[in-house]
């Protein structure tokens, strides 16, 4: 069986392609919402749970996993590190699908880089105006602890627990942008206009994450971008092309 750590759009594409090739799959996502988006198939098991290292190892043993494909978000460092360590320990082939980084050179003059979320929050406090947070809800408290919540407009998934988290962090209901992407450049522009945004905070999530559409909107609206840089991990067997990765899986699985 092949185990896929998913929850991203590229992860769902990988699942779909391997399902078409009739491979038995164990697909994991961190949330129930992510699991709902996985293509359904009678040869696939889908589990929605944030796995600890021990749970991941137990699953690999119990399901006789031969290959683990890590298609998690580029910023999901902990789960990737756990997967690398467990696969090495249990002699399972680890394959990483890593989205290509965005080509940022044409936008450099409006980007402030931050090495992590804390540095991004500190950078915001050196700038004036409203802030569009497009970094998700998981790290929202880092920003609310450091930045006046009256300035923050988080764009988050439209699910009840996420909305509740925003409310608990004293984000005004009128400031919560609960929407499911992907977002076009024009959609980003309209949000920037409506909320009178001066600063956009983003991660370099690549094409799937809509990074270029955010940057182009920032350029059109002449606002600053605080870009959280990708964490660096030493991934074994990295692919940024899905077809090449699938070919590696086919060879390894036979």
C-alpha atoms as a PDB file:
ATOM      1  CA  UNK A   1       0.000   0.000   0.000  1.00  0.00           C
ATOM      2  CA  UNK A   2       1.058   3.595  -0.672  1.00  0.00           C
ATOM      3  CA  UNK A   3       0.588   6.234   2.021  1.00  0.00           C
ATOM      4  CA  UNK A   4      -0.019   9.825   0.917  1.00  0.00           C
ATOM      5  CA  UNK A   5       0.213  12.753   3.314  1.00  0.00           C
ATOM      6  CA  UNK A   6      -2.138  15.154   1.591  1.00  0.00           C
ATOM      7  CA  UNK A   7      -4.459  18.078   2.316  1.00  0.00           C
ATOM      8  CA  UNK A   8      -3.262  20.238  -0.594  1.00  0.00           C
ATOM      9  CA  UNK A   9      -4.452  20.657  -4.165  1.00  0.00           C
ATOM     10  CA  UNK A  10      -1.341  18.985  -5.562  1.00  0.00           C
ATOM     11  CA  UNK A  11      -1.849  16.147  -3.069  1.00  0.00           C
ATOM     12  CA  UNK A  12      -5.362  15.591  -4.415  1.00  0.00           C
ATOM     13  CA  UNK A  13      -4.020  15.469  -7.967  1.00  0.00           C
ATOM     14  CA  UNK A  14      -1.486  12.831  -6.933  1.00  0.00           C
ATOM     15  CA  UNK A  15      -4.229  10.788  -5.250  1.00  0.00           C
ATOM     16  CA  UNK A  16      -6.393  11.004  -8.373  1.00  0.00           C
ATOM     17  CA  UNK A  17      -3.565   9.881 -10.662  1.00  0.00           C
ATOM     18  CA  UNK A  18      -2.603   6.931  -8.447  1.00  0.00           C
ATOM     19  CA  UNK A  19      -6.241   5.901  -8.107  1.00  0.00           C
ATOM     20  CA  UNK A  20      -6.489   5.775 -11.895  1.00  0.00           C
ATOM     21  CA  UNK A  21      -3.467   3.474 -11.868  1.00  0.00           C
ATOM     22  CA  UNK A  22      -5.350   1.170  -9.428  1.00  0.00           C
ATOM     23  CA  UNK A  23      -2.877   1.451  -6.542  1.00  0.00           C
ATOM     24  CA  UNK A  24      -4.168   0.817  -3.004  1.00  0.00           C
ATOM     25  CA  UNK A  25      -3.837   4.062  -1.085  1.00  0.00           C
ATOM     26  CA  UNK A  26      -3.921   5.280   2.483  1.00  0.00           C
ATOM     27  CA  UNK A  27      -4.500   9.036   2.371  1.00  0.00           C
ATOM     28  CA  UNK A  28      -4.189  11.233   5.441  1.00  0.00           C
ATOM     29  CA  UNK A  29      -5.243  14.851   5.918  1.00  0.00           C
ATOM     30  CA  UNK A  30      -5.018  17.053   9.002  1.00  0.00           C
ATOM     31  CA  UNK A  31      -8.674  18.132   8.829  1.00  0.00           C
ATOM     32  CA  UNK A  32     -12.093  16.697   8.015  1.00  0.00           C
ATOM     33  CA  UNK A  33     -12.521  19.451   5.456  1.00  0.00           C
ATOM     34  CA  UNK A  34      -9.373  18.339   3.658  1.00  0.00           C
ATOM     35  CA  UNK A  35     -10.600  14.732   3.683  1.00  0.00           C
ATOM     36  CA  UNK A  36     -13.879  15.739   2.031  1.00  0.00           C
ATOM     37  CA  UNK A  37     -11.948  17.059  -0.966  1.00  0.00           C
ATOM     38  CA  UNK A  38     -10.053  13.797  -1.589  1.00  0.00           C
ATOM     39  CA  UNK A  39     -11.350  11.876  -4.643  1.00  0.00           C
ATOM     40  CA  UNK A  40     -13.398   8.878  -3.489  1.00  0.00           C
ATOM     41  CA  UNK A  41     -12.319   5.389  -4.511  1.00  0.00           C
ATOM     42  CA  UNK A  42     -12.999   1.882  -3.168  1.00  0.00           C
ATOM     43  CA  UNK A  43      -9.250   1.100  -3.158  1.00  0.00           C
ATOM     44  CA  UNK A  44      -8.437   4.141  -1.005  1.00  0.00           C
ATOM     45  CA  UNK A  45      -8.652   4.677   2.740  1.00  0.00           C
ATOM     46  CA  UNK A  46      -8.926   8.318   3.833  1.00  0.00           C
ATOM     47  CA  UNK A  47      -8.137   9.356   7.406  1.00  0.00           C
ATOM     48  CA  UNK A  48      -8.422  12.884   8.761  1.00  0.00           C
ATOM     49  CA  UNK A  49      -6.217  13.335  11.789  1.00  0.00           C
ATOM     50  CA  UNK A  50      -3.025  15.126  12.751  1.00  0.00           C
ATOM     51  CA  UNK A  51      -0.704  12.157  13.157  1.00  0.00           C
ATOM     52  CA  UNK A  52       2.031  12.066  15.764  1.00  0.00           C
ATOM     53  CA  UNK A  53       5.308  10.392  14.860  1.00  0.00           C
ATOM     54  CA  UNK A  54       4.253   7.300  16.819  1.00  0.00           C
ATOM     55  CA  UNK A  55       0.855   7.129  15.110  1.00  0.00           C
ATOM     56  CA  UNK A  56       2.473   7.497  11.711  1.00  0.00           C
ATOM     57  CA  UNK A  57       4.864   4.654  12.460  1.00  0.00           C
ATOM     58  CA  UNK A  58       2.043   2.421  13.720  1.00  0.00           C
ATOM     59  CA  UNK A  59       0.043   3.090  10.571  1.00  0.00           C
ATOM     60  CA  UNK A  60       3.014   2.248   8.358  1.00  0.00           C
ATOM     61  CA  UNK A  61       3.450  -1.077  10.129  1.00  0.00           C
ATOM     62  CA  UNK A  62      -0.246  -2.028  10.303  1.00  0.00           C
ATOM     63  CA  UNK A  63      -1.009  -1.144   6.694  1.00  0.00           C
ATOM     64  CA  UNK A  64       2.245  -2.583   5.320  1.00  0.00           C
ATOM     65  CA  UNK A  65       3.178   0.698   3.660  1.00  0.00           C
ATOM     66  CA  UNK A  66       5.778   0.335   0.924  1.00  0.00           C
ATOM     67  CA  UNK A  67       6.042   3.975  -0.185  1.00  0.00           C
ATOM     68  CA  UNK A  68       5.185   7.216   1.613  1.00  0.00           C
ATOM     69  CA  UNK A  69       4.460  10.279  -0.516  1.00  0.00           C
ATOM     70  CA  UNK A  70       4.717  13.571   1.331  1.00  0.00           C
ATOM     71  CA  UNK A  71       2.466  16.068  -0.480  1.00  0.00           C
ATOM     72  CA  UNK A  72       1.906  18.341   2.493  1.00  0.00           C
ATOM     73  CA  UNK A  73       2.180  22.110   2.351  1.00  0.00           C
ATOM     74  CA  UNK A  74       5.738  23.487   1.970  1.00  0.00           C
ATOM     75  CA  UNK A  75       5.422  25.060   5.426  1.00  0.00           C
ATOM     76  CA  UNK A  76       4.251  21.892   7.229  1.00  0.00           C
ATOM     77  CA  UNK A  77       7.748  21.221   8.540  1.00  0.00           C
ATOM     78  CA  UNK A  78       6.934  19.074  11.562  1.00  0.00           C
ATOM     79  CA  UNK A  79       4.883  16.452   9.722  1.00  0.00           C
ATOM     80  CA  UNK A  80       7.502  16.218   6.959  1.00  0.00           C
ATOM     81  CA  UNK A  81      10.337  15.810   9.447  1.00  0.00           C
ATOM     82  CA  UNK A  82       8.387  13.097  11.276  1.00  0.00           C
ATOM     83  CA  UNK A  83       7.714  11.279   8.007  1.00  0.00           C
ATOM     84  CA  UNK A  84      11.377  11.384   6.981  1.00  0.00           C
ATOM     85  CA  UNK A  85      12.507   9.972  10.330  1.00  0.00           C
ATOM     86  CA  UNK A  86       9.854   7.238  10.458  1.00  0.00           C
ATOM     87  CA  UNK A  87      10.499   6.113   6.881  1.00  0.00           C
ATOM     88  CA  UNK A  88      14.215   5.889   7.538  1.00  0.00           C
ATOM     89  CA  UNK A  89      13.598   3.856  10.687  1.00  0.00           C
ATOM     90  CA  UNK A  90      11.134   1.446   9.037  1.00  0.00           C
ATOM     91  CA  UNK A  91      12.985   1.241   5.694  1.00  0.00           C
ATOM     92  CA  UNK A  92      10.083   2.744   3.728  1.00  0.00           C
ATOM     93  CA  UNK A  93      10.717   4.787   0.576  1.00  0.00           C
ATOM     94  CA  UNK A  94       9.997   8.468   1.293  1.00  0.00           C
ATOM     95  CA  UNK A  95       9.142  10.636  -1.723  1.00  0.00           C
ATOM     96  CA  UNK A  96       8.565  14.361  -1.397  1.00  0.00           C
ATOM     97  CA  UNK A  97       6.474  16.390  -3.825  1.00  0.00           C
ATOM     98  CA  UNK A  98       7.639  19.974  -3.361  1.00  0.00           C
ATOM     99  CA  UNK A  99       5.927  22.851  -5.128  1.00  0.00           C
ATOM    100  CA  UNK A 100       8.222  25.079  -7.125  1.00  0.00           C
ATOM    101  CA  UNK A 101       9.042  28.366  -5.465  1.00  0.00           C
ATOM    102  CA  UNK A 102       7.567  31.480  -7.033  1.00  0.00           C
ATOM    103  CA  UNK A 103       9.598  33.780  -9.291  1.00  0.00           C
ATOM    104  CA  UNK A 104       9.632  36.868  -7.108  1.00  0.00           C
ATOM    105  CA  UNK A 105      12.294  39.031  -8.756  1.00  0.00           C
ATOM    106  CA  UNK A 106       9.880  41.407 -10.521  1.00  0.00           C
ATOM    107  CA  UNK A 107       8.186  42.172  -7.191  1.00  0.00           C
ATOM    108  CA  UNK A 108      11.309  42.491  -5.017  1.00  0.00           C
ATOM    109  CA  UNK A 109      10.950  46.239  -4.482  1.00  0.00           C
ATOM    110  CA  UNK A 110       7.670  45.810  -2.604  1.00  0.00           C
ATOM    111  CA  UNK A 111       8.494  42.633  -0.623  1.00  0.00           C
ATOM    112  CA  UNK A 112       9.712  42.527   2.980  1.00  0.00           C
ATOM    113  CA  UNK A 113      11.025  39.028   3.744  1.00  0.00           C
ATOM    114  CA  UNK A 114      10.535  37.354   7.112  1.00  0.00           C
ATOM    115  CA  UNK A 115      12.132  34.107   8.240  1.00  0.00           C
ATOM    116  CA  UNK A 116       9.108  33.076  10.326  1.00  0.00           C
ATOM    117  CA  UNK A 117       5.692  34.222  11.538  1.00  0.00           C
ATOM    118  CA  UNK A 118       7.057  36.087  14.553  1.00  0.00           C
ATOM    119  CA  UNK A 119       9.382  38.141  12.385  1.00  0.00           C
ATOM    120  CA  UNK A 120       6.483  38.842  10.007  1.00  0.00           C
ATOM    121  CA  UNK A 121       4.366  40.132  12.899  1.00  0.00           C
ATOM    122  CA  UNK A 122       7.226  42.366  14.047  1.00  0.00           C
ATOM    123  CA  UNK A 123       7.661  43.695  10.518  1.00  0.00           C
ATOM    124  CA  UNK A 124       3.949  44.586  10.330  1.00  0.00           C
ATOM    125  CA  UNK A 125       4.390  46.764  13.403  1.00  0.00           C
ATOM    126  CA  UNK A 126       6.974  48.865  11.546  1.00  0.00           C
ATOM    127  CA  UNK A 127       4.443  49.586   8.802  1.00  0.00           C
ATOM    128  CA  UNK A 128       1.151  51.473   8.853  1.00  0.00           C
ATOM    129  CA  UNK A 129      -2.320  50.450   7.726  1.00  0.00           C
ATOM    130  CA  UNK A 130      -4.654  47.496   7.420  1.00  0.00           C
ATOM    131  CA  UNK A 131      -3.232  44.006   6.997  1.00  0.00           C
ATOM    132  CA  UNK A 132      -4.583  41.184   4.820  1.00  0.00           C
ATOM    133  CA  UNK A 133      -3.390  37.909   6.336  1.00  0.00           C
ATOM    134  CA  UNK A 134      -3.361  35.089   3.788  1.00  0.00           C
ATOM    135  CA  UNK A 135      -1.331  32.670   5.914  1.00  0.00           C
ATOM    136  CA  UNK A 136      -4.257  30.637   7.280  1.00  0.00           C
ATOM    137  CA  UNK A 137      -5.699  30.221  10.756  1.00  0.00           C
ATOM    138  CA  UNK A 138      -3.113  27.910  12.372  1.00  0.00           C
ATOM    139  CA  UNK A 139      -0.712  30.723  13.215  1.00  0.00           C
ATOM    140  CA  UNK A 140      -3.244  33.516  13.604  1.00  0.00           C
ATOM    141  CA  UNK A 141      -2.549  33.936  17.329  1.00  0.00           C
ATOM    142  CA  UNK A 142       1.068  34.877  16.572  1.00  0.00           C
ATOM    143  CA  UNK A 143      -0.215  37.962  14.775  1.00  0.00           C
ATOM    144  CA  UNK A 144      -2.994  38.829  17.235  1.00  0.00           C
ATOM    145  CA  UNK A 145      -0.520  38.728  20.131  1.00  0.00           C
ATOM    146  CA  UNK A 146       1.737  41.306  18.483  1.00  0.00           C
ATOM    147  CA  UNK A 147      -0.463  43.399  16.190  1.00  0.00           C
ATOM    148  CA  UNK A 148      -3.555  45.497  16.970  1.00  0.00           C
ATOM    149  CA  UNK A 149      -6.471  43.273  15.889  1.00  0.00           C
ATOM    150  CA  UNK A 150      -8.262  46.331  14.496  1.00  0.00           C
ATOM    151  CA  UNK A 151      -5.676  46.258  11.707  1.00  0.00           C
ATOM    152  CA  UNK A 152      -6.010  42.563  10.869  1.00  0.00           C
ATOM    153  CA  UNK A 153      -8.157  41.049   8.116  1.00  0.00           C
ATOM    154  CA  UNK A 154      -7.481  37.282   8.084  1.00  0.00           C
ATOM    155  CA  UNK A 155      -8.592  35.270   5.044  1.00  0.00           C
ATOM    156  CA  UNK A 156      -9.494  31.826   6.335  1.00  0.00           C
ATOM    157  CA  UNK A 157     -11.477  28.732   5.404  1.00  0.00           C
ATOM    158  CA  UNK A 158     -15.246  29.090   5.820  1.00  0.00           C
ATOM    159  CA  UNK A 159     -15.653  26.409   8.493  1.00  0.00           C
ATOM    160  CA  UNK A 160     -17.152  26.870  11.948  1.00  0.00           C
ATOM    161  CA  UNK A 161     -14.130  26.025  14.112  1.00  0.00           C
ATOM    162  CA  UNK A 162     -11.925  28.452  12.174  1.00  0.00           C
ATOM    163  CA  UNK A 163     -14.494  31.256  12.429  1.00  0.00           C
ATOM    164  CA  UNK A 164     -14.783  30.545  16.153  1.00  0.00           C
ATOM    165  CA  UNK A 165     -11.017  30.776  16.552  1.00  0.00           C
ATOM    166  CA  UNK A 166     -11.026  34.181  14.880  1.00  0.00           C
ATOM    167  CA  UNK A 167     -13.766  35.375  17.207  1.00  0.00           C
ATOM    168  CA  UNK A 168     -11.917  34.054  20.256  1.00  0.00           C
ATOM    169  CA  UNK A 169      -8.871  36.053  19.168  1.00  0.00           C
ATOM    170  CA  UNK A 170     -10.997  39.234  19.087  1.00  0.00           C
ATOM    171  CA  UNK A 171     -11.057  39.561  15.324  1.00  0.00           C
ATOM    172  CA  UNK A 172     -14.106  41.637  14.394  1.00  0.00           C
ATOM    173  CA  UNK A 173     -16.737  39.724  12.371  1.00  0.00           C
ATOM    174  CA  UNK A 174     -16.489  42.391   9.676  1.00  0.00           C
ATOM    175  CA  UNK A 175     -12.745  41.672   9.418  1.00  0.00           C
ATOM    176  CA  UNK A 176     -13.057  37.879   8.947  1.00  0.00           C
ATOM    177  CA  UNK A 177     -12.770  36.981   5.254  1.00  0.00           C
ATOM    178  CA  UNK A 178     -14.124  33.417   5.198  1.00  0.00           C
ATOM    179  CA  UNK A 179     -13.572  32.129   1.670  1.00  0.00           C
ATOM    180  CA  UNK A 180     -12.314  29.034  -0.108  1.00  0.00           C
ATOM    181  CA  UNK A 181      -9.666  29.575  -2.801  1.00  0.00           C
ATOM    182  CA  UNK A 182      -8.162  29.583  -5.325  1.00  0.00           C
ATOM    183  CA  UNK A 183      -8.221  33.359  -5.667  1.00  0.00           C
ATOM    184  CA  UNK A 184      -7.624  35.203  -8.916  1.00  0.00           C
ATOM    185  CA  UNK A 185      -5.646  38.414  -9.143  1.00  0.00           C
ATOM    186  CA  UNK A 186      -8.891  40.347  -9.579  1.00  0.00           C
ATOM    187  CA  UNK A 187     -10.465  38.723  -6.523  1.00  0.00           C
ATOM    188  CA  UNK A 188      -7.418  39.738  -4.467  1.00  0.00           C
ATOM    189  CA  UNK A 189      -7.667  43.264  -5.846  1.00  0.00           C
ATOM    190  CA  UNK A 190     -11.339  43.511  -4.858  1.00  0.00           C
ATOM    191  CA  UNK A 191     -10.588  42.322  -1.299  1.00  0.00           C
ATOM    192  CA  UNK A 192      -7.733  44.813  -1.013  1.00  0.00           C
ATOM    193  CA  UNK A 193     -10.038  47.612  -2.165  1.00  0.00           C
ATOM    194  CA  UNK A 194     -12.973  46.645   0.046  1.00  0.00           C
ATOM    195  CA  UNK A 195     -10.903  46.287   3.224  1.00  0.00           C
ATOM    196  CA  UNK A 196      -8.614  49.240   2.443  1.00  0.00           C
ATOM    197  CA  UNK A 197      -5.550  46.992   2.741  1.00  0.00           C
ATOM    198  CA  UNK A 198      -2.056  48.496   2.913  1.00  0.00           C
ATOM    199  CA  UNK A 199      -0.035  45.334   3.684  1.00  0.00           C
ATOM    200  CA  UNK A 200      -0.506  41.781   2.408  1.00  0.00           C
ATOM    201  CA  UNK A 201       1.075  38.917   4.359  1.00  0.00           C
ATOM    202  CA  UNK A 202       1.767  35.707   2.438  1.00  0.00           C
ATOM    203  CA  UNK A 203       3.792  32.527   2.337  1.00  0.00           C
ATOM    204  CA  UNK A 204       5.575  31.440  -0.837  1.00  0.00           C
ATOM    205  CA  UNK A 205       3.119  28.626  -1.519  1.00  0.00           C
ATOM    206  CA  UNK A 206       3.912  28.430  -5.234  1.00  0.00           C
ATOM    207  CA  UNK A 207       1.434  28.378  -8.100  1.00  0.00           C
ATOM    208  CA  UNK A 208      -1.032  26.129  -6.274  1.00  0.00           C
ATOM    209  CA  UNK A 209      -1.105  28.513  -3.340  1.00  0.00           C
ATOM    210  CA  UNK A 210      -1.832  31.564  -5.514  1.00  0.00           C
ATOM    211  CA  UNK A 211       1.340  33.447  -4.590  1.00  0.00           C
ATOM    212  CA  UNK A 212       1.723  35.134  -7.973  1.00  0.00           C
ATOM    213  CA  UNK A 213      -1.910  36.255  -7.991  1.00  0.00           C
ATOM    214  CA  UNK A 214      -1.400  37.900  -4.596  1.00  0.00           C
ATOM    215  CA  UNK A 215       1.795  39.626  -5.707  1.00  0.00           C
ATOM    216  CA  UNK A 216       0.238  40.868  -8.919  1.00  0.00           C
ATOM    217  CA  UNK A 217      -2.710  42.270  -6.969  1.00  0.00           C
ATOM    218  CA  UNK A 218      -0.297  43.979  -4.580  1.00  0.00           C
ATOM    219  CA  UNK A 219       1.511  45.487  -7.557  1.00  0.00           C
ATOM    220  CA  UNK A 220      -1.727  46.752  -9.104  1.00  0.00           C
ATOM    221  CA  UNK A 221      -2.848  48.269  -5.791  1.00  0.00           C
ATOM    222  CA  UNK A 222       0.645  49.553  -4.911  1.00  0.00           C
ATOM    223  CA  UNK A 223       0.803  47.957  -1.457  1.00  0.00           C
ATOM    224  CA  UNK A 224       3.576  46.213   0.476  1.00  0.00           C
ATOM    225  CA  UNK A 225       3.938  42.438   0.879  1.00  0.00           C
ATOM    226  CA  UNK A 226       5.423  40.686   3.899  1.00  0.00           C
ATOM    227  CA  UNK A 227       6.608  37.319   2.590  1.00  0.00           C
ATOM    228  CA  UNK A 228       7.351  34.482   4.996  1.00  0.00           C
ATOM    229  CA  UNK A 229      10.192  32.462   3.506  1.00  0.00           C
ATOM    230  CA  UNK A 230       9.992  28.716   3.116  1.00  0.00           C
ATOM    231  CA  UNK A 231      11.561  26.615   5.857  1.00  0.00           C
ATOM    232  CA  UNK A 232      14.479  24.520   4.689  1.00  0.00           C
ATOM    233  CA  UNK A 233      14.483  20.746   5.092  1.00  0.00           C
ATOM    234  CA  UNK A 234      16.824  18.189   3.595  1.00  0.00           C
ATOM    235  CA  UNK A 235      14.231  16.137   1.724  1.00  0.00           C
ATOM    236  CA  UNK A 236      15.304  12.830   0.161  1.00  0.00           C
ATOM    237  CA  UNK A 237      13.818  12.027  -3.267  1.00  0.00           C
ATOM    238  CA  UNK A 238      12.305  15.422  -4.089  1.00  0.00           C
ATOM    239  CA  UNK A 239      10.143  16.058  -7.159  1.00  0.00           C
ATOM    240  CA  UNK A 240       8.499  19.271  -8.350  1.00  0.00           C
ATOM    241  CA  UNK A 241       6.827  17.603 -11.340  1.00  0.00           C
ATOM    242  CA  UNK A 242       3.926  15.267 -10.586  1.00  0.00           C
ATOM    243  CA  UNK A 243       4.382  13.049 -13.663  1.00  0.00           C
ATOM    244  CA  UNK A 244       8.059  12.476 -12.868  1.00  0.00           C
ATOM    245  CA  UNK A 245       7.122  11.607  -9.310  1.00  0.00           C
ATOM    246  CA  UNK A 246       4.430   9.155 -10.442  1.00  0.00           C
ATOM    247  CA  UNK A 247       6.982   7.414 -12.675  1.00  0.00           C
ATOM    248  CA  UNK A 248       9.292   7.022  -9.669  1.00  0.00           C
ATOM    249  CA  UNK A 249       6.411   5.509  -7.688  1.00  0.00           C
ATOM    250  CA  UNK A 250       5.559   3.047 -10.482  1.00  0.00           C
ATOM    251  CA  UNK A 251       9.142   1.829 -10.723  1.00  0.00           C
ATOM    252  CA  UNK A 252       9.543   1.539  -6.946  1.00  0.00           C
ATOM    253  CA  UNK A 253       6.218  -0.198  -6.341  1.00  0.00           C
ATOM    254  CA  UNK A 254       6.594  -2.966  -8.914  1.00  0.00           C
END
